[in-house]
Amino acid sequence: MKNEIYSQCIIIQEPPLKFKNNFHFDKYHHPSSCNVSVLWCIYCKNKKRIIDMGESRPCGINHYQASIHAEEKAIKTFINYKGKNKNYEIYVWRWSKGGKIKTKVCCNRCTKLVQKFNLQNRIFTFDNYGRCPAIINNPPLSLAWLIK
Protein backbone atom coordinates (compact mmCIF):
# COMPACT_ATOMS: atom_id res chain seq x y z
CA MET A 1 0.00 0.00 0.00
CA LYS A 2 2.78 2.42 0.95
CA ASN A 3 4.71 1.71 -2.31
CA GLU A 4 1.56 2.24 -4.37
CA ILE A 5 0.95 5.66 -2.85
CA TYR A 6 4.65 6.50 -3.06
CA SER A 7 4.97 5.54 -6.72
CA GLN A 8 1.89 7.52 -7.72
CA CYS A 9 3.34 10.86 -6.61
CA ILE A 10 6.81 10.40 -8.18
CA ILE A 11 7.61 12.08 -11.45
CA ILE A 12 10.49 10.24 -13.10
CA GLN A 13 13.12 12.45 -14.63
CA GLU A 14 13.85 11.32 -18.18
CA PRO A 15 17.43 11.25 -19.46
CA PRO A 16 18.49 14.52 -21.13
CA LEU A 17 18.52 12.98 -24.59
CA LYS A 18 16.52 14.22 -27.53
CA PHE A 19 14.77 11.12 -28.80
CA LYS A 20 11.99 10.76 -31.33
CA ASN A 21 10.67 7.33 -30.43
CA ASN A 22 8.13 6.86 -27.65
CA PHE A 23 9.99 5.24 -24.81
CA HIS A 24 8.44 4.66 -21.40
CA PHE A 25 10.86 4.82 -18.50
CA ASP A 26 8.31 4.16 -15.70
CA LYS A 27 8.74 0.38 -15.91
CA TYR A 28 12.42 0.74 -14.94
CA HIS A 29 11.84 2.72 -11.71
CA HIS A 30 10.70 1.22 -8.43
CA PRO A 31 11.43 2.81 -5.03
CA SER A 32 12.68 -0.44 -3.49
CA SER A 33 15.24 -1.24 -6.19
CA CYS A 34 16.37 2.14 -7.55
CA ASN A 35 19.40 2.36 -5.22
CA VAL A 36 20.91 -0.85 -6.60
CA SER A 37 19.65 -1.00 -10.16
CA VAL A 38 21.76 0.72 -12.83
CA LEU A 39 20.18 1.43 -16.19
CA TRP A 40 21.78 1.55 -19.62
CA CYS A 41 20.63 2.57 -23.06
CA ILE A 42 22.13 2.55 -26.52
CA TYR A 43 21.34 5.82 -28.27
CA CYS A 44 21.73 6.66 -31.97
CA LYS A 45 22.86 10.27 -32.10
CA ASN A 46 22.06 10.71 -35.82
CA LYS A 47 18.52 9.33 -35.77
CA LYS A 48 17.92 10.54 -32.20
CA ARG A 49 16.46 7.20 -31.12
CA ILE A 50 16.95 4.87 -28.22
CA ILE A 51 17.94 1.59 -29.84
CA ASP A 52 17.92 -0.65 -26.78
CA MET A 53 17.63 -0.32 -23.02
CA GLY A 54 18.05 -2.50 -19.96
CA GLU A 55 19.36 -2.67 -16.43
CA SER A 56 21.88 -4.51 -14.32
CA ARG A 57 20.81 -7.77 -12.77
CA PRO A 58 21.81 -9.77 -9.70
CA CYS A 59 23.20 -13.28 -10.01
CA GLY A 60 22.41 -16.28 -7.85
CA ILE A 61 24.44 -17.70 -4.99
CA ASN A 62 26.26 -20.31 -7.07
CA HIS A 63 27.70 -17.75 -9.45
CA TYR A 64 31.22 -16.32 -9.64
CA GLN A 65 29.98 -12.72 -9.84
CA ALA A 66 27.45 -11.09 -7.55
CA SER A 67 25.83 -9.23 -10.44
CA ILE A 68 26.09 -8.50 -14.13
CA HIS A 69 26.80 -4.81 -14.41
CA ALA A 70 24.84 -2.53 -16.71
CA GLU A 71 28.00 -1.64 -18.62
CA GLU A 72 28.68 -5.31 -19.37
CA LYS A 73 25.18 -5.88 -20.71
CA ALA A 74 25.32 -2.65 -22.74
CA ILE A 75 28.65 -3.54 -24.33
CA LYS A 76 27.44 -7.04 -25.19
CA THR A 77 24.36 -5.58 -26.89
CA PHE A 78 26.43 -2.82 -28.53
CA ILE A 79 28.76 -5.35 -30.14
CA ASN A 80 25.80 -7.26 -31.62
CA TYR A 81 24.99 -4.19 -33.77
CA LYS A 82 27.95 -4.84 -36.11
CA GLY A 83 28.58 -2.15 -38.70
CA LYS A 84 25.70 0.00 -37.49
CA ASN A 85 27.29 1.21 -34.29
CA LYS A 86 29.47 4.11 -35.54
CA ASN A 87 26.80 6.60 -34.44
CA TYR A 88 25.73 4.75 -31.29
CA GLU A 89 26.54 5.85 -27.76
CA ILE A 90 26.06 4.06 -24.43
CA TYR A 91 24.55 5.87 -21.45
CA VAL A 92 24.47 4.53 -17.87
CA TRP A 93 22.67 6.11 -14.91
CA ARG A 94 20.77 5.43 -11.74
CA TRP A 95 17.59 6.95 -10.36
CA SER A 96 17.08 8.20 -6.81
CA LYS A 97 13.99 7.24 -4.84
CA GLY A 98 12.49 10.58 -5.82
CA GLY A 99 12.94 9.86 -9.52
CA LYS A 100 15.93 12.16 -10.15
CA ILE A 101 18.85 10.99 -12.29
CA LYS A 102 22.06 10.17 -10.40
CA THR A 103 25.57 9.91 -11.83
CA LYS A 104 26.98 6.39 -12.29
CA VAL A 105 30.65 5.92 -13.14
CA CYS A 106 32.21 2.65 -14.23
CA CYS A 107 33.92 0.43 -11.68
CA ASN A 108 37.40 -1.02 -12.13
CA ARG A 109 36.22 -4.18 -13.89
CA CYS A 110 33.89 -2.30 -16.28
CA THR A 111 36.60 0.26 -17.07
CA LYS A 112 38.92 -2.54 -18.16
CA LEU A 113 36.13 -4.00 -20.31
CA VAL A 114 35.44 -0.63 -21.94
CA GLN A 115 39.14 -0.17 -22.68
CA LYS A 116 39.38 -3.70 -24.10
CA PHE A 117 36.72 -2.89 -26.72
CA ASN A 118 38.04 0.70 -27.19
CA LEU A 119 34.73 2.36 -26.23
CA GLN A 120 36.12 5.10 -23.95
CA ASN A 121 34.66 7.85 -26.13
CA ARG A 122 31.23 6.21 -26.41
CA ILE A 123 30.14 5.54 -22.83
CA PHE A 124 28.58 8.38 -20.85
CA THR A 125 26.60 9.18 -17.74
CA PHE A 126 24.57 12.21 -16.67
CA ASP A 127 25.72 14.87 -14.21
CA ASN A 128 23.60 17.94 -13.39
CA TYR A 129 21.30 16.96 -16.24
CA GLY A 130 24.18 17.06 -18.72
CA ARG A 131 26.34 14.45 -20.41
CA CYS A 132 29.73 13.50 -18.97
CA PRO A 133 32.13 10.55 -19.44
CA ALA A 134 31.46 7.46 -17.36
CA ILE A 135 35.15 6.49 -17.32
CA ILE A 136 37.20 8.14 -14.58
CA ASN A 137 40.82 7.93 -13.44
CA ASN A 138 41.35 5.47 -10.58
CA PRO A 139 37.93 3.80 -10.74
CA PRO A 140 36.64 2.23 -7.53
CA LEU A 141 36.16 -1.48 -7.00
CA SER A 142 32.58 -2.69 -7.25
CA LEU A 143 30.67 -3.09 -4.01
CA ALA A 144 30.56 -6.89 -4.33
CA TRP A 145 34.36 -7.11 -4.49
CA LEU A 146 34.67 -4.80 -1.47
CA ILE A 147 32.36 -7.07 0.53
CA LYS A 148 34.30 -10.24 -0.40
C-alpha atoms as a PDB file:
ATOM      1  CA  MET A   1       0.000   0.000   0.000  1.00  0.00           C
ATOM      2  CA  LYS A   2       2.779   2.415   0.951  1.00  0.00           C
ATOM      3  CA  ASN A   3       4.709   1.705  -2.308  1.00  0.00           C
ATOM      4  CA  GLU A   4       1.561   2.241  -4.373  1.00  0.00           C
ATOM      5  CA  ILE A   5       0.953   5.662  -2.854  1.00  0.00           C
ATOM      6  CA  TYR A   6       4.648   6.503  -3.061  1.00  0.00           C
ATOM      7  CA  SER A   7       4.971   5.544  -6.724  1.00  0.00           C
ATOM      8  CA  GLN A   8       1.891   7.523  -7.720  1.00  0.00           C
ATOM      9  CA  CYS A   9       3.344  10.862  -6.614  1.00  0.00           C
ATOM     10  CA  ILE A  10       6.807  10.399  -8.181  1.00  0.00           C
ATOM     11  CA  ILE A  11       7.614  12.077 -11.452  1.00  0.00           C
ATOM     12  CA  ILE A  12      10.492  10.238 -13.097  1.00  0.00           C
ATOM     13  CA  GLN A  13      13.124  12.453 -14.629  1.00  0.00           C
ATOM     14  CA  GLU A  14      13.848  11.324 -18.182  1.00  0.00           C
ATOM     15  CA  PRO A  15      17.432  11.251 -19.464  1.00  0.00           C
ATOM     16  CA  PRO A  16      18.491  14.518 -21.131  1.00  0.00           C
ATOM     17  CA  LEU A  17      18.524  12.982 -24.587  1.00  0.00           C
ATOM     18  CA  LYS A  18      16.517  14.218 -27.526  1.00  0.00           C
ATOM     19  CA  PHE A  19      14.768  11.118 -28.796  1.00  0.00           C
ATOM     20  CA  LYS A  20      11.986  10.758 -31.329  1.00  0.00           C
ATOM     21  CA  ASN A  21      10.667   7.328 -30.432  1.00  0.00           C
ATOM     22  CA  ASN A  22       8.133   6.860 -27.645  1.00  0.00           C
ATOM     23  CA  PHE A  23       9.993   5.236 -24.809  1.00  0.00           C
ATOM     24  CA  HIS A  24       8.436   4.657 -21.396  1.00  0.00           C
ATOM     25  CA  PHE A  25      10.858   4.816 -18.500  1.00  0.00           C
ATOM     26  CA  ASP A  26       8.315   4.163 -15.699  1.00  0.00           C
ATOM     27  CA  LYS A  27       8.741   0.381 -15.911  1.00  0.00           C
ATOM     28  CA  TYR A  28      12.415   0.743 -14.938  1.00  0.00           C
ATOM     29  CA  HIS A  29      11.836   2.724 -11.713  1.00  0.00           C
ATOM     30  CA  HIS A  30      10.696   1.219  -8.435  1.00  0.00           C
ATOM     31  CA  PRO A  31      11.427   2.814  -5.033  1.00  0.00           C
ATOM     32  CA  SER A  32      12.680  -0.440  -3.488  1.00  0.00           C
ATOM     33  CA  SER A  33      15.237  -1.235  -6.189  1.00  0.00           C
ATOM     34  CA  CYS A  34      16.369   2.136  -7.545  1.00  0.00           C
ATOM     35  CA  ASN A  35      19.400   2.364  -5.224  1.00  0.00           C
ATOM     36  CA  VAL A  36      20.909  -0.845  -6.601  1.00  0.00           C
ATOM     37  CA  SER A  37      19.653  -1.003 -10.160  1.00  0.00           C
ATOM     38  CA  VAL A  38      21.757   0.723 -12.826  1.00  0.00           C
ATOM     39  CA  LEU A  39      20.180   1.432 -16.191  1.00  0.00           C
ATOM     40  CA  TRP A  40      21.777   1.549 -19.616  1.00  0.00           C
ATOM     41  CA  CYS A  41      20.630   2.570 -23.056  1.00  0.00           C
ATOM     42  CA  ILE A  42      22.132   2.551 -26.522  1.00  0.00           C
ATOM     43  CA  TYR A  43      21.343   5.823 -28.270  1.00  0.00           C
ATOM     44  CA  CYS A  44      21.727   6.659 -31.968  1.00  0.00           C
ATOM     45  CA  LYS A  45      22.862  10.270 -32.102  1.00  0.00           C
ATOM     46  CA  ASN A  46      22.057  10.709 -35.818  1.00  0.00           C
ATOM     47  CA  LYS A  47      18.525   9.329 -35.774  1.00  0.00           C
ATOM     48  CA  LYS A  48      17.920  10.536 -32.197  1.00  0.00           C
ATOM     49  CA  ARG A  49      16.459   7.199 -31.120  1.00  0.00           C
ATOM     50  CA  ILE A  50      16.947   4.873 -28.217  1.00  0.00           C
ATOM     51  CA  ILE A  51      17.945   1.592 -29.840  1.00  0.00           C
ATOM     52  CA  ASP A  52      17.917  -0.651 -26.784  1.00  0.00           C
ATOM     53  CA  MET A  53      17.634  -0.318 -23.024  1.00  0.00           C
ATOM     54  CA  GLY A  54      18.049  -2.499 -19.957  1.00  0.00           C
ATOM     55  CA  GLU A  55      19.358  -2.667 -16.426  1.00  0.00           C
ATOM     56  CA  SER A  56      21.883  -4.514 -14.320  1.00  0.00           C
ATOM     57  CA  ARG A  57      20.807  -7.770 -12.771  1.00  0.00           C
ATOM     58  CA  PRO A  58      21.811  -9.771  -9.705  1.00  0.00           C
ATOM     59  CA  CYS A  59      23.199 -13.282 -10.013  1.00  0.00           C
ATOM     60  CA  GLY A  60      22.411 -16.281  -7.847  1.00  0.00           C
ATOM     61  CA  ILE A  61      24.436 -17.698  -4.987  1.00  0.00           C
ATOM     62  CA  ASN A  62      26.259 -20.309  -7.073  1.00  0.00           C
ATOM     63  CA  HIS A  63      27.698 -17.754  -9.452  1.00  0.00           C
ATOM     64  CA  TYR A  64      31.220 -16.317  -9.637  1.00  0.00           C
ATOM     65  CA  GLN A  65      29.985 -12.721  -9.842  1.00  0.00           C
ATOM     66  CA  ALA A  66      27.451 -11.093  -7.547  1.00  0.00           C
ATOM     67  CA  SER A  67      25.830  -9.228 -10.440  1.00  0.00           C
ATOM     68  CA  ILE A  68      26.091  -8.499 -14.125  1.00  0.00           C
ATOM     69  CA  HIS A  69      26.796  -4.807 -14.406  1.00  0.00           C
ATOM     70  CA  ALA A  70      24.843  -2.531 -16.713  1.00  0.00           C
ATOM     71  CA  GLU A  71      27.997  -1.637 -18.621  1.00  0.00           C
ATOM     72  CA  GLU A  72      28.679  -5.309 -19.372  1.00  0.00           C
ATOM     73  CA  LYS A  73      25.177  -5.877 -20.708  1.00  0.00           C
ATOM     74  CA  ALA A  74      25.318  -2.652 -22.741  1.00  0.00           C
ATOM     75  CA  ILE A  75      28.651  -3.538 -24.333  1.00  0.00           C
ATOM     76  CA  LYS A  76      27.442  -7.044 -25.192  1.00  0.00           C
ATOM     77  CA  THR A  77      24.361  -5.577 -26.892  1.00  0.00           C
ATOM     78  CA  PHE A  78      26.425  -2.820 -28.530  1.00  0.00           C
ATOM     79  CA  ILE A  79      28.763  -5.354 -30.145  1.00  0.00           C
ATOM     80  CA  ASN A  80      25.802  -7.262 -31.623  1.00  0.00           C
ATOM     81  CA  TYR A  81      24.986  -4.194 -33.768  1.00  0.00           C
ATOM     82  CA  LYS A  82      27.946  -4.839 -36.115  1.00  0.00           C
ATOM     83  CA  GLY A  83      28.584  -2.149 -38.703  1.00  0.00           C
ATOM     84  CA  LYS A  84      25.704   0.003 -37.493  1.00  0.00           C
ATOM     85  CA  ASN A  85      27.286   1.214 -34.289  1.00  0.00           C
ATOM     86  CA  LYS A  86      29.471   4.105 -35.538  1.00  0.00           C
ATOM     87  CA  ASN A  87      26.800   6.603 -34.440  1.00  0.00           C
ATOM     88  CA  TYR A  88      25.732   4.752 -31.289  1.00  0.00           C
ATOM     89  CA  GLU A  89      26.541   5.849 -27.759  1.00  0.00           C
ATOM     90  CA  ILE A  90      26.061   4.057 -24.429  1.00  0.00           C
ATOM     91  CA  TYR A  91      24.550   5.872 -21.446  1.00  0.00           C
ATOM     92  CA  VAL A  92      24.471   4.532 -17.873  1.00  0.00           C
ATOM     93  CA  TRP A  93      22.674   6.106 -14.914  1.00  0.00           C
ATOM     94  CA  ARG A  94      20.769   5.430 -11.740  1.00  0.00           C
ATOM     95  CA  TRP A  95      17.587   6.951 -10.363  1.00  0.00           C
ATOM     96  CA  SER A  96      17.081   8.195  -6.807  1.00  0.00           C
ATOM     97  CA  LYS A  97      13.986   7.241  -4.839  1.00  0.00           C
ATOM     98  CA  GLY A  98      12.490  10.578  -5.818  1.00  0.00           C
ATOM     99  CA  GLY A  99      12.937   9.859  -9.517  1.00  0.00           C
ATOM    100  CA  LYS A 100      15.931  12.156 -10.146  1.00  0.00           C
ATOM    101  CA  ILE A 101      18.848  10.985 -12.286  1.00  0.00           C
ATOM    102  CA  LYS A 102      22.060  10.175 -10.402  1.00  0.00           C
ATOM    103  CA  THR A 103      25.568   9.909 -11.831  1.00  0.00           C
ATOM    104  CA  LYS A 104      26.975   6.390 -12.288  1.00  0.00           C
ATOM    105  CA  VAL A 105      30.646   5.921 -13.142  1.00  0.00           C
ATOM    106  CA  CYS A 106      32.213   2.653 -14.230  1.00  0.00           C
ATOM    107  CA  CYS A 107      33.918   0.430 -11.677  1.00  0.00           C
ATOM    108  CA  ASN A 108      37.405  -1.018 -12.129  1.00  0.00           C
ATOM    109  CA  ARG A 109      36.218  -4.178 -13.893  1.00  0.00           C
ATOM    110  CA  CYS A 110      33.892  -2.297 -16.276  1.00  0.00           C
ATOM    111  CA  THR A 111      36.604   0.262 -17.065  1.00  0.00           C
ATOM    112  CA  LYS A 112      38.919  -2.540 -18.165  1.00  0.00           C
ATOM    113  CA  LEU A 113      36.132  -3.997 -20.310  1.00  0.00           C
ATOM    114  CA  VAL A 114      35.440  -0.627 -21.938  1.00  0.00           C
ATOM    115  CA  GLN A 115      39.137  -0.170 -22.675  1.00  0.00           C
ATOM    116  CA  LYS A 116      39.384  -3.697 -24.101  1.00  0.00           C
ATOM    117  CA  PHE A 117      36.718  -2.885 -26.715  1.00  0.00           C
ATOM    118  CA  ASN A 118      38.035   0.697 -27.188  1.00  0.00           C
ATOM    119  CA  LEU A 119      34.733   2.363 -26.233  1.00  0.00           C
ATOM    120  CA  GLN A 120      36.116   5.097 -23.946  1.00  0.00           C
ATOM    121  CA  ASN A 121      34.656   7.848 -26.132  1.00  0.00           C
ATOM    122  CA  ARG A 122      31.229   6.214 -26.409  1.00  0.00           C
ATOM    123  CA  ILE A 123      30.135   5.536 -22.833  1.00  0.00           C
ATOM    124  CA  PHE A 124      28.585   8.381 -20.849  1.00  0.00           C
ATOM    125  CA  THR A 125      26.597   9.179 -17.738  1.00  0.00           C
ATOM    126  CA  PHE A 126      24.574  12.209 -16.673  1.00  0.00           C
ATOM    127  CA  ASP A 127      25.723  14.866 -14.215  1.00  0.00           C
ATOM    128  CA  ASN A 128      23.599  17.942 -13.392  1.00  0.00           C
ATOM    129  CA  TYR A 129      21.303  16.965 -16.241  1.00  0.00           C
ATOM    130  CA  GLY A 130      24.178  17.057 -18.719  1.00  0.00           C
ATOM    131  CA  ARG A 131      26.338  14.445 -20.414  1.00  0.00           C
ATOM    132  CA  CYS A 132      29.725  13.504 -18.967  1.00  0.00           C
ATOM    133  CA  PRO A 133      32.130  10.555 -19.441  1.00  0.00           C
ATOM    134  CA  ALA A 134      31.458   7.457 -17.361  1.00  0.00           C
ATOM    135  CA  ILE A 135      35.150   6.489 -17.324  1.00  0.00           C
ATOM    136  CA  ILE A 136      37.198   8.142 -14.582  1.00  0.00           C
ATOM    137  CA  ASN A 137      40.819   7.933 -13.440  1.00  0.00           C
ATOM    138  CA  ASN A 138      41.350   5.467 -10.577  1.00  0.00           C
ATOM    139  CA  PRO A 139      37.927   3.801 -10.745  1.00  0.00           C
ATOM    140  CA  PRO A 140      36.636   2.227  -7.529  1.00  0.00           C
ATOM    141  CA  LEU A 141      36.155  -1.481  -7.001  1.00  0.00           C
ATOM    142  CA  SER A 142      32.584  -2.685  -7.254  1.00  0.00           C
ATOM    143  CA  LEU A 143      30.673  -3.088  -4.012  1.00  0.00           C
ATOM    144  CA  ALA A 144      30.556  -6.892  -4.332  1.00  0.00           C
ATOM    145  CA  TRP A 145      34.360  -7.108  -4.486  1.00  0.00           C
ATOM    146  CA  LEU A 146      34.674  -4.805  -1.467  1.00  0.00           C
ATOM    147  CA  ILE A 147      32.358  -7.066   0.528  1.00  0.00           C
ATOM    148  CA  LYS A 148      34.301 -10.237  -0.398  1.00  0.00           C
END
